[in-house]
Amino acid sequence: MNKIKKRISENIRQEIENNPIDNWHGITSDNIESHLISPVFETYCDPMDEKVTYSYWTILEEFPGDKSGYTIFFDPAENEFGLGMHSKSDQMIFLGIYGSFIEVLNGM
């Protein structure tokens, strides 16, 4: 598990160093570190059918520690990042896989 966490963290660091952050939710290059979390393997539910689930590595929270707002996760099977969110019932909701970390961050 530690190898995957290290790979995810290194990938994110490279993207942050090599790409501008243009996020509508107030996440900037100055505060990105406060939104990144140590990768956590979590289950995300399909928004149309809670019985359909996916397991991904959550790596960013819009409001860290608040369990609200958007999340960014990593899908090791696709080697891509996606967008999720916390539900009011404390579930993780899958919104889609969109590409690189910066693409997801700037598109949220």
PDB file of N, CA and C in Angstrom:
ATOM      1  N   MET A   1       0.815  -1.207   0.000  1.00  0.00           N
ATOM      2  CA  MET A   1       0.000   0.000   0.000  1.00  0.00           C
ATOM      3  C   MET A   1       0.856   1.267   0.000  1.00  0.00           C
ATOM      4  N   ASN A   2       1.971   1.245   0.698  1.00  0.00           N
ATOM      5  CA  ASN A   2       2.812   2.435   0.767  1.00  0.00           C
ATOM      6  C   ASN A   2       3.384   2.827  -0.586  1.00  0.00           C
ATOM      7  N   LYS A   3       3.634   1.839  -1.467  1.00  0.00           N
ATOM      8  CA  LYS A   3       4.155   2.141  -2.800  1.00  0.00           C
ATOM      9  C   LYS A   3       3.149   2.959  -3.602  1.00  0.00           C
ATOM     10  N   ILE A   4       1.881   2.570  -3.531  1.00  0.00           N
ATOM     11  CA  ILE A   4       0.853   3.303  -4.269  1.00  0.00           C
ATOM     12  C   ILE A   4       0.692   4.713  -3.710  1.00  0.00           C
ATOM     13  N   LYS A   5       0.726   4.852  -2.380  1.00  0.00           N
ATOM     14  CA  LYS A   5       0.622   6.182  -1.775  1.00  0.00           C
ATOM     15  C   LYS A   5       1.775   7.062  -2.233  1.00  0.00           C
ATOM     16  N   LYS A   6       2.970   6.498  -2.273  1.00  0.00           N
ATOM     17  CA  LYS A   6       4.151   7.254  -2.702  1.00  0.00           C
ATOM     18  C   LYS A   6       4.026   7.654  -4.172  1.00  0.00           C
ATOM     19  N   ARG A   7       3.567   6.717  -5.012  1.00  0.00           N
ATOM     20  CA  ARG A   7       3.402   7.010  -6.444  1.00  0.00           C
ATOM     21  C   ARG A   7       2.369   8.120  -6.670  1.00  0.00           C
ATOM     22  N   ILE A   8       1.268   8.046  -5.946  1.00  0.00           N
ATOM     23  CA  ILE A   8       0.227   9.071  -6.072  1.00  0.00           C
ATOM     24  C   ILE A   8       0.782  10.429  -5.654  1.00  0.00           C
ATOM     25  N   SER A   9       1.435  10.485  -4.501  1.00  0.00           N
ATOM     26  CA  SER A   9       1.985  11.747  -3.982  1.00  0.00           C
ATOM     27  C   SER A   9       3.026  12.340  -4.928  1.00  0.00           C
ATOM     28  N   GLU A  10       3.890  11.509  -5.484  1.00  0.00           N
ATOM     29  CA  GLU A  10       4.911  11.991  -6.422  1.00  0.00           C
ATOM     30  C   GLU A  10       4.269  12.537  -7.691  1.00  0.00           C
ATOM     31  N   ASN A  11       3.255  11.848  -8.197  1.00  0.00           N
ATOM     32  CA  ASN A  11       2.542  12.284  -9.394  1.00  0.00           C
ATOM     33  C   ASN A  11       1.903  13.655  -9.169  1.00  0.00           C
ATOM     34  N   ILE A  12       1.262  13.830  -8.028  1.00  0.00           N
ATOM     35  CA  ILE A  12       0.613  15.104  -7.702  1.00  0.00           C
ATOM     36  C   ILE A  12       1.644  16.219  -7.595  1.00  0.00           C
ATOM     37  N   ARG A  13       2.749  15.960  -6.911  1.00  0.00           N
ATOM     38  CA  ARG A  13       3.811  16.975  -6.743  1.00  0.00           C
ATOM     39  C   ARG A  13       4.339  17.437  -8.095  1.00  0.00           C
ATOM     40  N   GLN A  14       4.570  16.499  -9.009  1.00  0.00           N
ATOM     41  CA  GLN A  14       5.053  16.858 -10.343  1.00  0.00           C
ATOM     42  C   GLN A  14       4.043  17.719 -11.083  1.00  0.00           C
ATOM     43  N   GLU A  15       2.783  17.343 -11.004  1.00  0.00           N
ATOM     44  CA  GLU A  15       1.751  18.125 -11.689  1.00  0.00           C
ATOM     45  C   GLU A  15       1.649  19.536 -11.120  1.00  0.00           C
ATOM     46  N   ILE A  16       1.709  19.669  -9.801  1.00  0.00           N
ATOM     47  CA  ILE A  16       1.620  20.987  -9.161  1.00  0.00           C
ATOM     48  C   ILE A  16       2.807  21.859  -9.567  1.00  0.00           C
ATOM     49  N   GLU A  17       3.991  21.268  -9.626  1.00  0.00           N
ATOM     50  CA  GLU A  17       5.196  22.022  -9.981  1.00  0.00           C
ATOM     51  C   GLU A  17       5.198  22.464 -11.439  1.00  0.00           C
ATOM     52  N   ASN A  18       4.546  21.686 -12.313  1.00  0.00           N
ATOM     53  CA  ASN A  18       4.644  21.932 -13.752  1.00  0.00           C
ATOM     54  C   ASN A  18       3.406  22.549 -14.390  1.00  0.00           C
ATOM     55  N   ASN A  19       2.373  22.818 -13.608  1.00  0.00           N
ATOM     56  CA  ASN A  19       1.124  23.325 -14.183  1.00  0.00           C
ATOM     57  C   ASN A  19       0.497  24.398 -13.309  1.00  0.00           C
ATOM     58  N   PRO A  20      -0.124  25.393 -13.935  1.00  0.00           N
ATOM     59  CA  PRO A  20      -0.809  26.419 -13.135  1.00  0.00           C
ATOM     60  C   PRO A  20      -2.115  25.888 -12.541  1.00  0.00           C
ATOM     61  N   ILE A  21      -2.439  26.371 -11.363  1.00  0.00           N
ATOM     62  CA  ILE A  21      -3.713  26.028 -10.717  1.00  0.00           C
ATOM     63  C   ILE A  21      -4.693  27.164 -10.974  1.00  0.00           C
ATOM     64  N   ASP A  22      -5.853  26.816 -11.536  1.00  0.00           N
ATOM     65  CA  ASP A  22      -6.896  27.791 -11.848  1.00  0.00           C
ATOM     66  C   ASP A  22      -8.224  27.200 -11.387  1.00  0.00           C
ATOM     67  N   ASN A  23      -8.491  27.294 -10.089  1.00  0.00           N
ATOM     68  CA  ASN A  23      -9.621  26.615  -9.462  1.00  0.00           C
ATOM     69  C   ASN A  23     -10.660  27.629  -8.985  1.00  0.00           C
ATOM     70  N   TRP A  24     -11.927  27.361  -9.271  1.00  0.00           N
ATOM     71  CA  TRP A  24     -13.021  28.266  -8.904  1.00  0.00           C
ATOM     72  C   TRP A  24     -13.438  28.158  -7.442  1.00  0.00           C
ATOM     73  N   HIS A  25     -12.876  27.184  -6.736  1.00  0.00           N
ATOM     74  CA  HIS A  25     -13.285  26.957  -5.342  1.00  0.00           C
ATOM     75  C   HIS A  25     -12.271  27.486  -4.344  1.00  0.00           C
ATOM     76  N   GLY A  26     -11.369  28.352  -4.803  1.00  0.00           N
ATOM     77  CA  GLY A  26     -10.440  28.997  -3.885  1.00  0.00           C
ATOM     78  C   GLY A  26      -9.171  28.221  -3.585  1.00  0.00           C
ATOM     79  N   ILE A  27      -8.954  27.107  -4.257  1.00  0.00           N
ATOM     80  CA  ILE A  27      -7.715  26.347  -4.064  1.00  0.00           C
ATOM     81  C   ILE A  27      -6.667  26.932  -4.996  1.00  0.00           C
ATOM     82  N   THR A  28      -5.554  27.363  -4.422  1.00  0.00           N
ATOM     83  CA  THR A  28      -4.490  28.014  -5.180  1.00  0.00           C
ATOM     84  C   THR A  28      -3.161  27.309  -4.920  1.00  0.00           C
ATOM     85  N   SER A  29      -2.139  27.741  -5.648  1.00  0.00           N
ATOM     86  CA  SER A  29      -0.804  27.179  -5.406  1.00  0.00           C
ATOM     87  C   SER A  29      -0.306  27.542  -4.011  1.00  0.00           C
ATOM     88  N   ASP A  30      -0.818  28.631  -3.444  1.00  0.00           N
ATOM     89  CA  ASP A  30      -0.409  29.043  -2.098  1.00  0.00           C
ATOM     90  C   ASP A  30      -1.052  28.194  -0.991  1.00  0.00           C
ATOM     91  N   ASN A  31      -2.253  27.641  -1.241  1.00  0.00           N
ATOM     92  CA  ASN A  31      -2.929  26.886  -0.178  1.00  0.00           C
ATOM     93  C   ASN A  31      -3.206  25.425  -0.517  1.00  0.00           C
ATOM     94  N   ILE A  32      -2.700  24.943  -1.646  1.00  0.00           N
ATOM     95  CA  ILE A  32      -2.977  23.565  -2.077  1.00  0.00           C
ATOM     96  C   ILE A  32      -2.597  22.531  -1.014  1.00  0.00           C
ATOM     97  N   GLU A  33      -1.503  22.787  -0.306  1.00  0.00           N
ATOM     98  CA  GLU A  33      -1.038  21.829   0.703  1.00  0.00           C
ATOM     99  C   GLU A  33      -2.072  21.607   1.807  1.00  0.00           C
ATOM    100  N   SER A  34      -2.861  22.619   2.112  1.00  0.00           N
ATOM    101  CA  SER A  34      -3.861  22.472   3.172  1.00  0.00           C
ATOM    102  C   SER A  34      -5.070  21.648   2.712  1.00  0.00           C
ATOM    103  N   HIS A  35      -5.194  21.428   1.413  1.00  0.00           N
ATOM    104  CA  HIS A  35      -6.306  20.643   0.879  1.00  0.00           C
ATOM    105  C   HIS A  35      -5.911  19.200   0.566  1.00  0.00           C
ATOM    106  N   LEU A  36      -4.619  18.964   0.349  1.00  0.00           N
ATOM    107  CA  LEU A  36      -4.152  17.614   0.073  1.00  0.00           C
ATOM    108  C   LEU A  36      -4.153  16.798   1.354  1.00  0.00           C
ATOM    109  N   ILE A  37      -4.549  15.554   1.245  1.00  0.00           N
ATOM    110  CA  ILE A  37      -4.529  14.654   2.400  1.00  0.00           C
ATOM    111  C   ILE A  37      -3.673  13.438   2.042  1.00  0.00           C
ATOM    112  N   SER A  38      -3.213  12.743   3.051  1.00  0.00           N
ATOM    113  CA  SER A  38      -2.519  11.485   2.804  1.00  0.00           C
ATOM    114  C   SER A  38      -3.521  10.554   2.128  1.00  0.00           C
ATOM    115  N   PRO A  39      -3.151   9.917   1.019  1.00  0.00           N
ATOM    116  CA  PRO A  39      -4.110   9.079   0.295  1.00  0.00           C
ATOM    117  C   PRO A  39      -4.822   8.067   1.200  1.00  0.00           C
ATOM    118  N   VAL A  40      -6.155   8.056   1.068  1.00  0.00           N
ATOM    119  CA  VAL A  40      -7.011   7.164   1.856  1.00  0.00           C
ATOM    120  C   VAL A  40      -7.850   6.345   0.883  1.00  0.00           C
ATOM    121  N   PHE A  41      -7.808   5.020   1.009  1.00  0.00           N
ATOM    122  CA  PHE A  41      -8.579   4.130   0.135  1.00  0.00           C
ATOM    123  C   PHE A  41     -10.023   4.116   0.625  1.00  0.00           C
ATOM    124  N   GLU A  42     -10.955   4.586  -0.228  1.00  0.00           N
ATOM    125  CA  GLU A  42     -12.351   4.729   0.191  1.00  0.00           C
ATOM    126  C   GLU A  42     -13.296   4.203  -0.876  1.00  0.00           C
ATOM    127  N   THR A  43     -14.502   3.924  -0.453  1.00  0.00           N
ATOM    128  CA  THR A  43     -15.545   3.451  -1.346  1.00  0.00           C
ATOM    129  C   THR A  43     -16.433   4.619  -1.754  1.00  0.00           C
ATOM    130  N   TYR A  44     -16.637   4.763  -3.055  1.00  0.00           N
ATOM    131  CA  TYR A  44     -17.510   5.792  -3.623  1.00  0.00           C
ATOM    132  C   TYR A  44     -18.737   5.106  -4.216  1.00  0.00           C
ATOM    133  N   CYS A  45     -19.907   5.688  -3.982  1.00  0.00           N
ATOM    134  CA  CYS A  45     -21.166   5.151  -4.507  1.00  0.00           C
ATOM    135  C   CYS A  45     -21.532   5.850  -5.805  1.00  0.00           C
ATOM    136  N   ASP A  46     -22.126   5.097  -6.698  1.00  0.00           N
ATOM    137  CA  ASP A  46     -22.659   5.668  -7.931  1.00  0.00           C
ATOM    138  C   ASP A  46     -23.839   6.559  -7.554  1.00  0.00           C
ATOM    139  N   PRO A  47     -23.944   7.779  -8.101  1.00  0.00           N
ATOM    140  CA  PRO A  47     -25.035   8.678  -7.713  1.00  0.00           C
ATOM    141  C   PRO A  47     -26.422   8.197  -8.147  1.00  0.00           C
ATOM    142  N   MET A  48     -26.467   7.300  -9.121  1.00  0.00           N
ATOM    143  CA  MET A  48     -27.761   6.804  -9.597  1.00  0.00           C
ATOM    144  C   MET A  48     -28.177   5.496  -8.938  1.00  0.00           C
ATOM    145  N   ASP A  49     -27.190   4.783  -8.349  1.00  0.00           N
ATOM    146  CA  ASP A  49     -27.490   3.490  -7.729  1.00  0.00           C
ATOM    147  C   ASP A  49     -26.469   3.227  -6.629  1.00  0.00           C
ATOM    148  N   GLU A  50     -26.871   3.421  -5.375  1.00  0.00           N
ATOM    149  CA  GLU A  50     -25.971   3.271  -4.233  1.00  0.00           C
ATOM    150  C   GLU A  50     -25.394   1.863  -4.107  1.00  0.00           C
ATOM    151  N   LYS A  51     -26.027   0.883  -4.752  1.00  0.00           N
ATOM    152  CA  LYS A  51     -25.522  -0.487  -4.694  1.00  0.00           C
ATOM    153  C   LYS A  51     -24.278  -0.666  -5.566  1.00  0.00           C
ATOM    154  N   VAL A  52     -24.067   0.248  -6.508  1.00  0.00           N
ATOM    155  CA  VAL A  52     -22.884   0.202  -7.367  1.00  0.00           C
ATOM    156  C   VAL A  52     -21.803   1.043  -6.694  1.00  0.00           C
ATOM    157  N   THR A  53     -20.684   0.418  -6.397  1.00  0.00           N
ATOM    158  CA  THR A  53     -19.610   1.125  -5.695  1.00  0.00           C
ATOM    159  C   THR A  53     -18.280   0.981  -6.419  1.00  0.00           C
ATOM    160  N   TYR A  54     -17.395   1.908  -6.130  1.00  0.00           N
ATOM    161  CA  TYR A  54     -16.040   1.943  -6.685  1.00  0.00           C
ATOM    162  C   TYR A  54     -15.080   2.243  -5.541  1.00  0.00           C
ATOM    163  N   SER A  55     -13.874   1.713  -5.627  1.00  0.00           N
ATOM    164  CA  SER A  55     -12.863   1.984  -4.597  1.00  0.00           C
ATOM    165  C   SER A  55     -11.727   2.796  -5.196  1.00  0.00           C
ATOM    166  N   TYR A  56     -11.453   3.945  -4.579  1.00  0.00           N
ATOM    167  CA  TYR A  56     -10.425   4.862  -5.065  1.00  0.00           C
ATOM    168  C   TYR A  56      -9.627   5.431  -3.902  1.00  0.00           C
ATOM    169  N   TRP A  57      -8.522   6.058  -4.230  1.00  0.00           N
ATOM    170  CA  TRP A  57      -7.674   6.745  -3.249  1.00  0.00           C
ATOM    171  C   TRP A  57      -8.065   8.212  -3.193  1.00  0.00           C
ATOM    172  N   THR A  58      -8.690   8.656  -2.116  1.00  0.00           N
ATOM    173  CA  THR A  58      -9.020  10.066  -1.932  1.00  0.00           C
ATOM    174  C   THR A  58      -7.728  10.799  -1.594  1.00  0.00           C
ATOM    175  N   ILE A  59      -7.466  11.915  -2.311  1.00  0.00           N
ATOM    176  CA  ILE A  59      -6.196  12.627  -2.111  1.00  0.00           C
ATOM    177  C   ILE A  59      -6.376  14.122  -1.846  1.00  0.00           C
ATOM    178  N   LEU A  60      -7.575  14.651  -2.038  1.00  0.00           N
ATOM    179  CA  LEU A  60      -7.818  16.070  -1.787  1.00  0.00           C
ATOM    180  C   LEU A  60      -9.240  16.248  -1.280  1.00  0.00           C
ATOM    181  N   GLU A  61      -9.386  17.165  -0.339  1.00  0.00           N
ATOM    182  CA  GLU A  61     -10.713  17.545   0.149  1.00  0.00           C
ATOM    183  C   GLU A  61     -10.869  19.049   0.003  1.00  0.00           C
ATOM    184  N   GLU A  62     -12.002  19.463  -0.548  1.00  0.00           N
ATOM    185  CA  GLU A  62     -12.276  20.894  -0.692  1.00  0.00           C
ATOM    186  C   GLU A  62     -12.280  21.575   0.676  1.00  0.00           C
ATOM    187  N   PHE A  63     -12.900  20.934   1.651  1.00  0.00           N
ATOM    188  CA  PHE A  63     -12.936  21.440   3.025  1.00  0.00           C
ATOM    189  C   PHE A  63     -12.357  20.358   3.938  1.00  0.00           C
ATOM    190  N   PRO A  64     -11.041  20.324   4.095  1.00  0.00           N
ATOM    191  CA  PRO A  64     -10.395  19.243   4.859  1.00  0.00           C
ATOM    192  C   PRO A  64     -10.972  19.081   6.262  1.00  0.00           C
ATOM    193  N   GLY A  65     -11.258  17.816   6.598  1.00  0.00           N
ATOM    194  CA  GLY A  65     -11.758  17.502   7.924  1.00  0.00           C
ATOM    195  C   GLY A  65     -13.220  17.823   8.147  1.00  0.00           C
ATOM    196  N   ASP A  66     -13.889  18.438   7.175  1.00  0.00           N
ATOM    197  CA  ASP A  66     -15.269  18.887   7.322  1.00  0.00           C
ATOM    198  C   ASP A  66     -16.281  17.854   6.825  1.00  0.00           C
ATOM    199  N   LYS A  67     -15.839  16.922   5.983  1.00  0.00           N
ATOM    200  CA  LYS A  67     -16.722  15.918   5.384  1.00  0.00           C
ATOM    201  C   LYS A  67     -17.859  16.569   4.594  1.00  0.00           C
ATOM    202  N   SER A  68     -17.516  17.654   3.907  1.00  0.00           N
ATOM    203  CA  SER A  68     -18.447  18.289   2.985  1.00  0.00           C
ATOM    204  C   SER A  68     -17.647  18.747   1.774  1.00  0.00           C
ATOM    205  N   GLY A  69     -18.321  19.094   0.736  1.00  0.00           N
ATOM    206  CA  GLY A  69     -17.641  19.592  -0.449  1.00  0.00           C
ATOM    207  C   GLY A  69     -17.105  18.487  -1.335  1.00  0.00           C
ATOM    208  N   TYR A  70     -16.314  18.912  -2.314  1.00  0.00           N
ATOM    209  CA  TYR A  70     -15.761  17.995  -3.309  1.00  0.00           C
ATOM    210  C   TYR A  70     -14.516  17.286  -2.804  1.00  0.00           C
ATOM    211  N   THR A  71     -14.245  16.133  -3.426  1.00  0.00           N
ATOM    212  CA  THR A  71     -13.001  15.408  -3.207  1.00  0.00           C
ATOM    213  C   THR A  71     -12.386  15.105  -4.570  1.00  0.00           C
ATOM    214  N   ILE A  72     -11.087  14.914  -4.583  1.00  0.00           N
ATOM    215  CA  ILE A  72     -10.405  14.396  -5.766  1.00  0.00           C
ATOM    216  C   ILE A  72      -9.815  13.060  -5.368  1.00  0.00           C
ATOM    217  N   PHE A  73      -9.986  12.068  -6.241  1.00  0.00           N
ATOM    218  CA  PHE A  73      -9.481  10.733  -5.960  1.00  0.00           C
ATOM    219  C   PHE A  73      -8.618  10.245  -7.119  1.00  0.00           C
ATOM    220  N   PHE A  74      -7.856   9.195  -6.846  1.00  0.00           N
ATOM    221  CA  PHE A  74      -7.020   8.562  -7.859  1.00  0.00           C
ATOM    222  C   PHE A  74      -7.522   7.149  -8.095  1.00  0.00           C
ATOM    223  N   ASP A  75      -7.641   6.795  -9.378  1.00  0.00           N
ATOM    224  CA  ASP A  75      -8.039   5.453  -9.782  1.00  0.00           C
ATOM    225  C   ASP A  75      -6.800   4.739 -10.321  1.00  0.00           C
ATOM    226  N   PRO A  76      -6.204   3.817  -9.539  1.00  0.00           N
ATOM    227  CA  PRO A  76      -4.979   3.161  -9.991  1.00  0.00           C
ATOM    228  C   PRO A  76      -5.185   2.264 -11.213  1.00  0.00           C
ATOM    229  N   ALA A  77      -6.386   1.740 -11.408  1.00  0.00           N
ATOM    230  CA  ALA A  77      -6.650   0.878 -12.561  1.00  0.00           C
ATOM    231  C   ALA A  77      -6.584   1.665 -13.870  1.00  0.00           C
ATOM    232  N   GLU A  78      -7.045   2.907 -13.842  1.00  0.00           N
ATOM    233  CA  GLU A  78      -7.049   3.763 -15.031  1.00  0.00           C
ATOM    234  C   GLU A  78      -5.878   4.742 -15.059  1.00  0.00           C
ATOM    235  N   ASN A  79      -5.167   4.848 -13.921  1.00  0.00           N
ATOM    236  CA  ASN A  79      -4.075   5.811 -13.763  1.00  0.00           C
ATOM    237  C   ASN A  79      -4.565   7.233 -14.046  1.00  0.00           C
ATOM    238  N   GLU A  80      -5.761   7.539 -13.555  1.00  0.00           N
ATOM    239  CA  GLU A  80      -6.364   8.852 -13.739  1.00  0.00           C
ATOM    240  C   GLU A  80      -7.007   9.312 -12.440  1.00  0.00           C
ATOM    241  N   PHE A  81      -7.332  10.595 -12.422  1.00  0.00           N
ATOM    242  CA  PHE A  81      -7.959  11.210 -11.257  1.00  0.00           C
ATOM    243  C   PHE A  81      -9.418  11.506 -11.570  1.00  0.00           C
ATOM    244  N   GLY A  82     -10.202  11.593 -10.512  1.00  0.00           N
ATOM    245  CA  GLY A  82     -11.617  11.864 -10.676  1.00  0.00           C
ATOM    246  C   GLY A  82     -12.145  12.756  -9.578  1.00  0.00           C
ATOM    247  N   LEU A  83     -13.405  13.109  -9.726  1.00  0.00           N
ATOM    248  CA  LEU A  83     -14.071  14.015  -8.797  1.00  0.00           C
ATOM    249  C   LEU A  83     -15.168  13.271  -8.047  1.00  0.00           C
ATOM    250  N   GLY A  84     -15.231  13.533  -6.762  1.00  0.00           N
ATOM    251  CA  GLY A  84     -16.277  12.969  -5.926  1.00  0.00           C
ATOM    252  C   GLY A  84     -16.780  14.034  -4.976  1.00  0.00           C
ATOM    253  N   MET A  85     -17.675  13.628  -4.102  1.00  0.00           N
ATOM    254  CA  MET A  85     -18.163  14.559  -3.092  1.00  0.00           C
ATOM    255  C   MET A  85     -18.687  13.788  -1.897  1.00  0.00           C
ATOM    256  N   HIS A  86     -18.749  14.476  -0.778  1.00  0.00           N
ATOM    257  CA  HIS A  86     -19.347  13.908   0.432  1.00  0.00           C
ATOM    258  C   HIS A  86     -20.852  14.108   0.353  1.00  0.00           C
ATOM    259  N   SER A  87     -21.599  13.094   0.754  1.00  0.00           N
ATOM    260  CA  SER A  87     -23.052  13.246   0.806  1.00  0.00           C
ATOM    261  C   SER A  87     -23.459  13.649   2.221  1.00  0.00           C
ATOM    262  N   LYS A  88     -24.692  14.065   2.369  1.00  0.00           N
ATOM    263  CA  LYS A  88     -25.199  14.428   3.699  1.00  0.00           C
ATOM    264  C   LYS A  88     -25.297  13.209   4.606  1.00  0.00           C
ATOM    265  N   SER A  89     -25.354  12.017   4.005  1.00  0.00           N
ATOM    266  CA  SER A  89     -25.425  10.776   4.806  1.00  0.00           C
ATOM    267  C   SER A  89     -24.037  10.174   5.014  1.00  0.00           C
ATOM    268  N   ASP A  90     -23.005  10.985   4.843  1.00  0.00           N
ATOM    269  CA  ASP A  90     -21.613  10.601   5.099  1.00  0.00           C
ATOM    270  C   ASP A  90     -21.103   9.509   4.162  1.00  0.00           C
ATOM    271  N   GLN A  91     -21.617   9.473   2.942  1.00  0.00           N
ATOM    272  CA  GLN A  91     -21.108   8.572   1.921  1.00  0.00           C
ATOM    273  C   GLN A  91     -20.270   9.377   0.940  1.00  0.00           C
ATOM    274  N   MET A  92     -19.366   8.687   0.262  1.00  0.00           N
ATOM    275  CA  MET A  92     -18.605   9.312  -0.813  1.00  0.00           C
ATOM    276  C   MET A  92     -19.371   9.046  -2.108  1.00  0.00           C
ATOM    277  N   ILE A  93     -19.584  10.084  -2.901  1.00  0.00           N
ATOM    278  CA  ILE A  93     -20.332   9.966  -4.143  1.00  0.00           C
ATOM    279  C   ILE A  93     -19.381  10.146  -5.327  1.00  0.00           C
ATOM    280  N   PHE A  94     -19.411   9.211  -6.253  1.00  0.00           N
ATOM    281  CA  PHE A  94     -18.608   9.244  -7.478  1.00  0.00           C
ATOM    282  C   PHE A  94     -19.252  10.207  -8.475  1.00  0.00           C
ATOM    283  N   LEU A  95     -18.466  11.156  -9.000  1.00  0.00           N
ATOM    284  CA  LEU A  95     -18.989  12.083 -10.010  1.00  0.00           C
ATOM    285  C   LEU A  95     -18.377  11.855 -11.386  1.00  0.00           C
ATOM    286  N   GLY A  96     -17.184  11.274 -11.439  1.00  0.00           N
ATOM    287  CA  GLY A  96     -16.581  10.973 -12.733  1.00  0.00           C
ATOM    288  C   GLY A  96     -15.073  10.978 -12.692  1.00  0.00           C
ATOM    289  N   ILE A  97     -14.481  10.371 -13.702  1.00  0.00           N
ATOM    290  CA  ILE A  97     -13.033  10.349 -13.874  1.00  0.00           C
ATOM    291  C   ILE A  97     -12.717  11.304 -15.020  1.00  0.00           C
ATOM    292  N   TYR A  98     -11.765  12.210 -14.782  1.00  0.00           N
ATOM    293  CA  TYR A  98     -11.555  13.298 -15.734  1.00  0.00           C
ATOM    294  C   TYR A  98     -10.130  13.478 -16.227  1.00  0.00           C
ATOM    295  N   GLY A  99      -9.178  12.658 -15.823  1.00  0.00           N
ATOM    296  CA  GLY A  99      -7.824  12.785 -16.357  1.00  0.00           C
ATOM    297  C   GLY A  99      -6.781  13.048 -15.302  1.00  0.00           C
ATOM    298  N   SER A 100      -5.957  14.049 -15.553  1.00  0.00           N
ATOM    299  CA  SER A 100      -4.854  14.363 -14.644  1.00  0.00           C
ATOM    300  C   SER A 100      -5.367  15.069 -13.385  1.00  0.00           C
ATOM    301  N   PHE A 101      -4.516  15.116 -12.374  1.00  0.00           N
ATOM    302  CA  PHE A 101      -4.875  15.807 -11.135  1.00  0.00           C
ATOM    303  C   PHE A 101      -5.220  17.269 -11.411  1.00  0.00           C
ATOM    304  N   ILE A 102      -4.371  17.955 -12.164  1.00  0.00           N
ATOM    305  CA  ILE A 102      -4.596  19.380 -12.460  1.00  0.00           C
ATOM    306  C   ILE A 102      -5.867  19.574 -13.280  1.00  0.00           C
ATOM    307  N   GLU A 103      -6.136  18.681 -14.221  1.00  0.00           N
ATOM    308  CA  GLU A 103      -7.378  18.796 -15.006  1.00  0.00           C
ATOM    309  C   GLU A 103      -8.607  18.711 -14.099  1.00  0.00           C
ATOM    310  N   VAL A 104      -8.575  17.785 -13.161  1.00  0.00           N
ATOM    311  CA  VAL A 104      -9.715  17.640 -12.236  1.00  0.00           C
ATOM    312  C   VAL A 104      -9.803  18.846 -11.316  1.00  0.00           C
ATOM    313  N   LEU A 105      -8.671  19.246 -10.739  1.00  0.00           N
ATOM    314  CA  LEU A 105      -8.649  20.391  -9.823  1.00  0.00           C
ATOM    315  C   LEU A 105      -9.148  21.657 -10.510  1.00  0.00           C
ATOM    316  N   ASN A 106      -8.658  21.929 -11.704  1.00  0.00           N
ATOM    317  CA  ASN A 106      -9.055  23.146 -12.410  1.00  0.00           C
ATOM    318  C   ASN A 106     -10.471  23.067 -12.976  1.00  0.00           C
ATOM    319  N   GLY A 107     -10.998  21.858 -13.126  1.00  0.00           N
ATOM    320  CA  GLY A 107     -12.339  21.690 -13.671  1.00  0.00           C
ATOM    321  C   GLY A 107     -13.435  21.616 -12.624  1.00  0.00           C
ATOM    322  N   MET A 108     -13.043  21.536 -11.339  1.00  0.00           N
ATOM    323  CA  MET A 108     -14.088  21.389 -10.321  1.00  0.00           C
ATOM    324  C   MET A 108     -14.736  22.712  -9.969  1.00  0.00           C
TER     325      MET A 108
END
